[in-house]
Protein backbone atom coordinates (compact mmCIF):
# COMPACT_ATOMS: atom_id res chain seq x y z
CA MET A 1 -60.46 4.47 5.61
CA GLN A 2 -58.28 2.92 1.86
CA LYS A 3 -56.18 6.55 2.65
CA ILE A 4 -55.37 5.40 6.41
CA VAL A 5 -54.33 2.22 5.07
CA LEU A 6 -52.36 3.22 2.43
CA LEU A 7 -50.76 6.02 5.15
CA ALA A 8 -49.96 2.97 7.27
CA LEU A 9 -48.91 0.55 4.62
CA VAL A 10 -46.37 3.60 3.81
CA PHE A 11 -45.04 4.18 6.62
CA GLY A 12 -44.81 0.53 7.57
CA ILE A 13 -42.80 0.30 4.45
CA ILE A 14 -40.34 3.26 5.40
CA GLY A 15 -40.17 2.28 9.13
CA GLY A 16 -39.52 -1.45 8.11
CA PHE A 17 -36.55 0.06 5.70
CA LEU A 18 -34.71 2.32 8.13
CA SER A 19 -35.14 -0.21 10.62
CA SER A 20 -33.62 -2.75 8.72
CA THR A 21 -30.99 0.18 7.49
CA VAL A 22 -29.62 1.17 11.63
CA PHE A 23 -30.03 -2.65 12.54
CA SER A 24 -27.12 -3.99 9.82
CA SER A 25 -25.07 -1.44 10.63
CA PHE A 26 -24.49 -2.73 14.23
CA VAL A 27 -24.41 -6.39 13.19
CA ALA A 28 -20.51 -7.37 13.03
CA LYS A 29 -18.84 -7.79 9.85
CA SER A 30 -17.92 -11.20 9.09
CA GLN A 31 -14.13 -12.38 9.20
CA ASP A 32 -13.92 -12.38 5.43
CA SER A 33 -15.69 -8.51 4.89
CA LEU A 34 -12.59 -7.59 7.45
CA ILE A 35 -9.84 -9.53 5.28
CA LYS A 36 -10.92 -7.84 2.30
CA GLU A 37 -11.49 -4.30 3.91
CA PHE A 38 -8.28 -4.88 5.44
CA TYR A 39 -6.45 -5.63 2.08
CA ASP A 40 -8.58 -2.82 0.41
CA VAL A 41 -6.76 -0.15 2.85
CA GLU A 42 -3.37 -1.73 2.58
CA ASN A 43 -3.47 -1.45 -1.09
CA ALA A 44 -4.76 2.14 -1.22
CA VAL A 45 -1.89 3.87 1.25
CA HIS A 46 0.89 1.76 1.35
CA VAL A 47 3.60 1.86 -1.01
CA SER A 48 6.33 -1.20 -1.99
CA PRO A 49 9.82 1.47 -1.36
CA HIS A 50 11.02 -1.53 -4.03
CA SER A 51 8.82 -0.52 -6.22
CA ILE A 52 9.93 3.14 -5.78
CA ARG A 53 13.55 2.25 -5.72
CA GLY A 54 12.26 0.56 -9.23
CA LYS A 55 10.82 3.62 -10.80
CA MET A 56 13.83 6.11 -9.65
CA ASP A 57 16.20 3.59 -11.44
CA LYS A 58 13.84 3.91 -14.47
CA GLY A 59 13.51 7.67 -14.47
CA VAL A 60 9.30 7.13 -13.89
CA ALA A 61 8.30 10.51 -12.01
CA ASP A 62 4.57 9.99 -11.00
CA PHE A 63 5.12 10.14 -7.12
CA VAL A 64 6.25 12.43 -4.95
CA LEU A 65 8.72 11.27 -1.60
CA VAL A 66 8.39 13.80 1.46
CA ASP A 67 9.82 13.61 4.17
CA LEU A 68 8.78 14.35 7.47
CA ARG A 69 11.86 14.19 9.66
CA SER A 70 13.44 17.75 10.85
CA GLN A 71 14.99 20.14 8.24
CA GLU A 72 17.85 18.81 9.99
CA GLU A 73 17.90 15.02 9.64
CA TYR A 74 16.87 15.93 6.10
CA GLU A 75 19.92 18.20 5.14
CA LYS A 76 22.03 15.26 7.00
CA GLU A 77 21.04 12.85 4.75
CA HIS A 78 17.53 11.75 3.15
CA ILE A 79 16.00 9.90 0.26
CA VAL A 80 17.33 11.10 -3.27
CA GLY A 81 14.53 13.00 -4.61
CA SER A 82 12.40 13.36 -1.50
CA VAL A 83 11.13 16.90 -0.99
CA SER A 84 11.43 18.24 3.24
CA ILE A 85 8.34 19.09 4.70
CA PRO A 86 9.53 18.86 8.50
CA ALA A 87 7.04 17.28 11.34
CA TYR A 88 9.91 17.84 13.80
CA ARG A 89 11.55 21.37 15.12
CA ASP A 90 14.21 19.16 15.73
CA LYS A 91 15.69 15.19 15.99
CA ASP A 92 13.90 15.35 19.53
CA THR A 93 10.79 17.26 19.24
CA SER A 94 7.73 16.99 16.75
CA ASP A 95 5.71 20.20 15.37
CA TYR A 96 2.53 18.47 14.68
CA GLY A 97 0.47 21.21 16.28
CA ALA A 98 1.66 23.45 13.29
CA VAL A 99 -1.40 22.16 11.11
CA ASP A 100 -1.53 25.63 8.75
CA ARG A 101 2.56 25.31 8.47
CA ILE A 102 1.70 21.51 7.17
CA VAL A 103 -1.31 21.46 5.51
CA ASN A 104 -0.37 24.87 3.42
CA SER A 105 2.42 22.89 2.70
CA PHE A 106 1.03 19.59 1.23
CA LYS A 107 -1.68 21.63 -0.97
CA GLU A 108 1.21 23.52 -2.72
CA LEU A 109 2.75 20.39 -3.58
CA LYS A 110 0.04 18.41 -4.84
CA ASN A 111 -0.89 21.68 -6.73
CA ASN A 112 2.66 22.01 -8.31
CA ASN A 113 2.43 18.30 -8.85
CA PRO A 114 -0.49 17.18 -10.25
CA GLY A 115 -1.77 13.84 -10.63
CA LYS A 116 1.11 12.16 -8.86
CA ASP A 117 1.15 10.37 -5.70
CA ILE A 118 2.46 11.83 -2.77
CA VAL A 119 4.36 9.28 -0.67
CA VAL A 120 5.72 9.94 2.70
CA TYR A 121 8.28 8.15 4.96
CA CYS A 122 9.57 9.26 8.36
CA TYR A 123 11.77 7.31 10.66
CA SER A 124 11.34 3.61 10.86
CA MET A 125 8.14 1.53 9.93
CA PRO A 126 6.66 1.94 13.28
CA CYS A 127 6.85 5.17 13.58
CA MET A 128 3.65 7.06 13.71
CA THR A 129 4.46 10.13 12.28
CA GLY A 130 3.45 9.14 8.81
CA ARG A 131 -0.20 7.89 10.24
CA LYS A 132 -0.65 11.54 12.14
CA ILE A 133 0.36 13.12 9.21
CA GLY A 134 -1.38 11.29 6.98
CA LYS A 135 -4.74 12.14 9.65
CA ILE A 136 -4.48 15.34 9.63
CA LEU A 137 -4.31 16.40 5.72
CA ALA A 138 -7.09 13.52 5.02
CA GLU A 139 -8.91 15.81 7.72
CA ASN A 140 -8.40 19.01 5.21
CA GLY A 141 -8.86 16.89 1.91
CA ILE A 142 -5.15 16.23 1.17
CA TYR A 143 -4.49 12.04 0.76
CA VAL A 144 -1.77 10.82 0.72
CA LYS A 145 0.36 7.41 0.94
CA LEU A 146 2.99 6.10 3.31
CA LEU A 147 6.21 4.43 2.31
CA GLY A 148 5.80 1.16 3.60
CA ILE A 149 9.51 1.52 4.96
CA GLY A 150 11.06 4.58 7.14
CA TRP A 151 14.24 6.21 6.64
CA ASN A 152 15.97 4.22 9.18
CA GLU A 153 15.15 0.69 7.06
CA TRP A 154 15.91 2.03 3.58
CA ARG A 155 19.56 3.66 4.67
CA HIS A 156 20.61 0.95 7.17
CA PHE A 157 18.59 -2.03 6.67
CA TRP A 158 19.21 -1.78 2.70
CA ASN A 159 19.19 -6.14 2.29
CA LEU A 160 15.78 -6.24 4.72
CA TRP A 161 13.74 -4.91 1.94
CA ASN A 162 14.90 -5.76 -1.26
CA HIS A 163 15.66 -8.93 -3.36
CA GLU A 164 18.10 -11.15 -2.05
CA HIS A 165 19.63 -11.25 -6.72
CA GLU A 166 19.72 -7.08 -6.22
CA TRP A 167 21.71 -7.21 -2.92
CA ASN A 168 25.37 -6.93 -4.64
CA ALA A 169 23.54 -5.00 -8.11
CA THR A 170 22.47 -2.01 -6.12
CA THR A 171 24.35 0.56 -3.22
CA VAL A 172 22.39 1.93 -0.86
CA MET A 173 24.32 5.03 -1.11
CA ASP A 174 22.88 5.40 -4.84
CA TYR A 175 19.55 6.45 -3.63
CA ILE A 176 20.71 8.85 -0.69
CA SER A 177 21.27 12.44 -1.17
CA THR A 178 22.69 15.37 1.20
CA GLY A 179 22.48 18.91 1.92
CA LYS A 180 18.76 21.47 1.39
CA GLU A 181 18.38 19.89 -2.83
CA HIS A 182 16.47 17.23 -3.05
CA GLY A 183 18.79 15.58 -5.51
CA THR A 184 18.08 13.11 -8.47
CA PRO A 185 17.72 9.60 -9.23
CA LYS A 186 20.38 7.86 -11.28
CA LEU A 187 19.49 5.79 -14.39
CA LYS A 188 19.65 2.31 -13.87
CA ASP A 189 18.90 -1.41 -15.53
CA THR A 190 19.54 -3.19 -13.12
CA THR A 191 15.47 -3.07 -11.44
CA GLN A 192 13.23 -6.08 -12.59
CA VAL A 193 9.77 -4.75 -12.16
CA CYS A 194 7.49 -7.73 -10.97
CA THR A 195 4.74 -7.44 -12.40
CA GLU A 196 2.96 -3.72 -14.46
CA GLY A 197 0.59 -2.23 -12.29
CA GLY A 198 -0.97 -2.26 -9.18
CA PHE A 199 0.48 -5.19 -8.04
CA GLY A 200 3.92 -4.44 -9.02
CA CYS A 201 6.64 -5.24 -6.16
């Protein structure tokens, strides 16, 4: 009889634990926890273009920029120092189906750049290419970050994201390269980093 009571007690405890676990997974998250989760994700994924430009100015090479636009567009102009892994066959045709090529290119890039953040950019801030490629890569165990702006903002809206006091001290063409070569950023002493570490600009 004691064995039966003991077994009932053990199964009751296990059942209660499982029920509470299942129930808690269905309970809606609080607004505060959703806000925290949003900012955790934002800070984990998005990279400030101002921070990238500052690192270029100082010669800090702890990241690799990847241009996801077509090879043709990359060769016309690209962010200096970036490499090309096209997610487009040409400017009008995506190539998202080339999963093996894209994944293998990023694997090779990561292997050749251990410890560096891989940061992707595409056409513009609302462009979904970086997000789609990021999802494909994550599904294959490769984790990349997303530049907070795209090519259009970098090239054509320089003052949009740079600090006002830097508008006259920087020129977009110093951060643009052409052709198949990546290009090398010019060292400058104009960038003031807001703060060091994860909370830089």
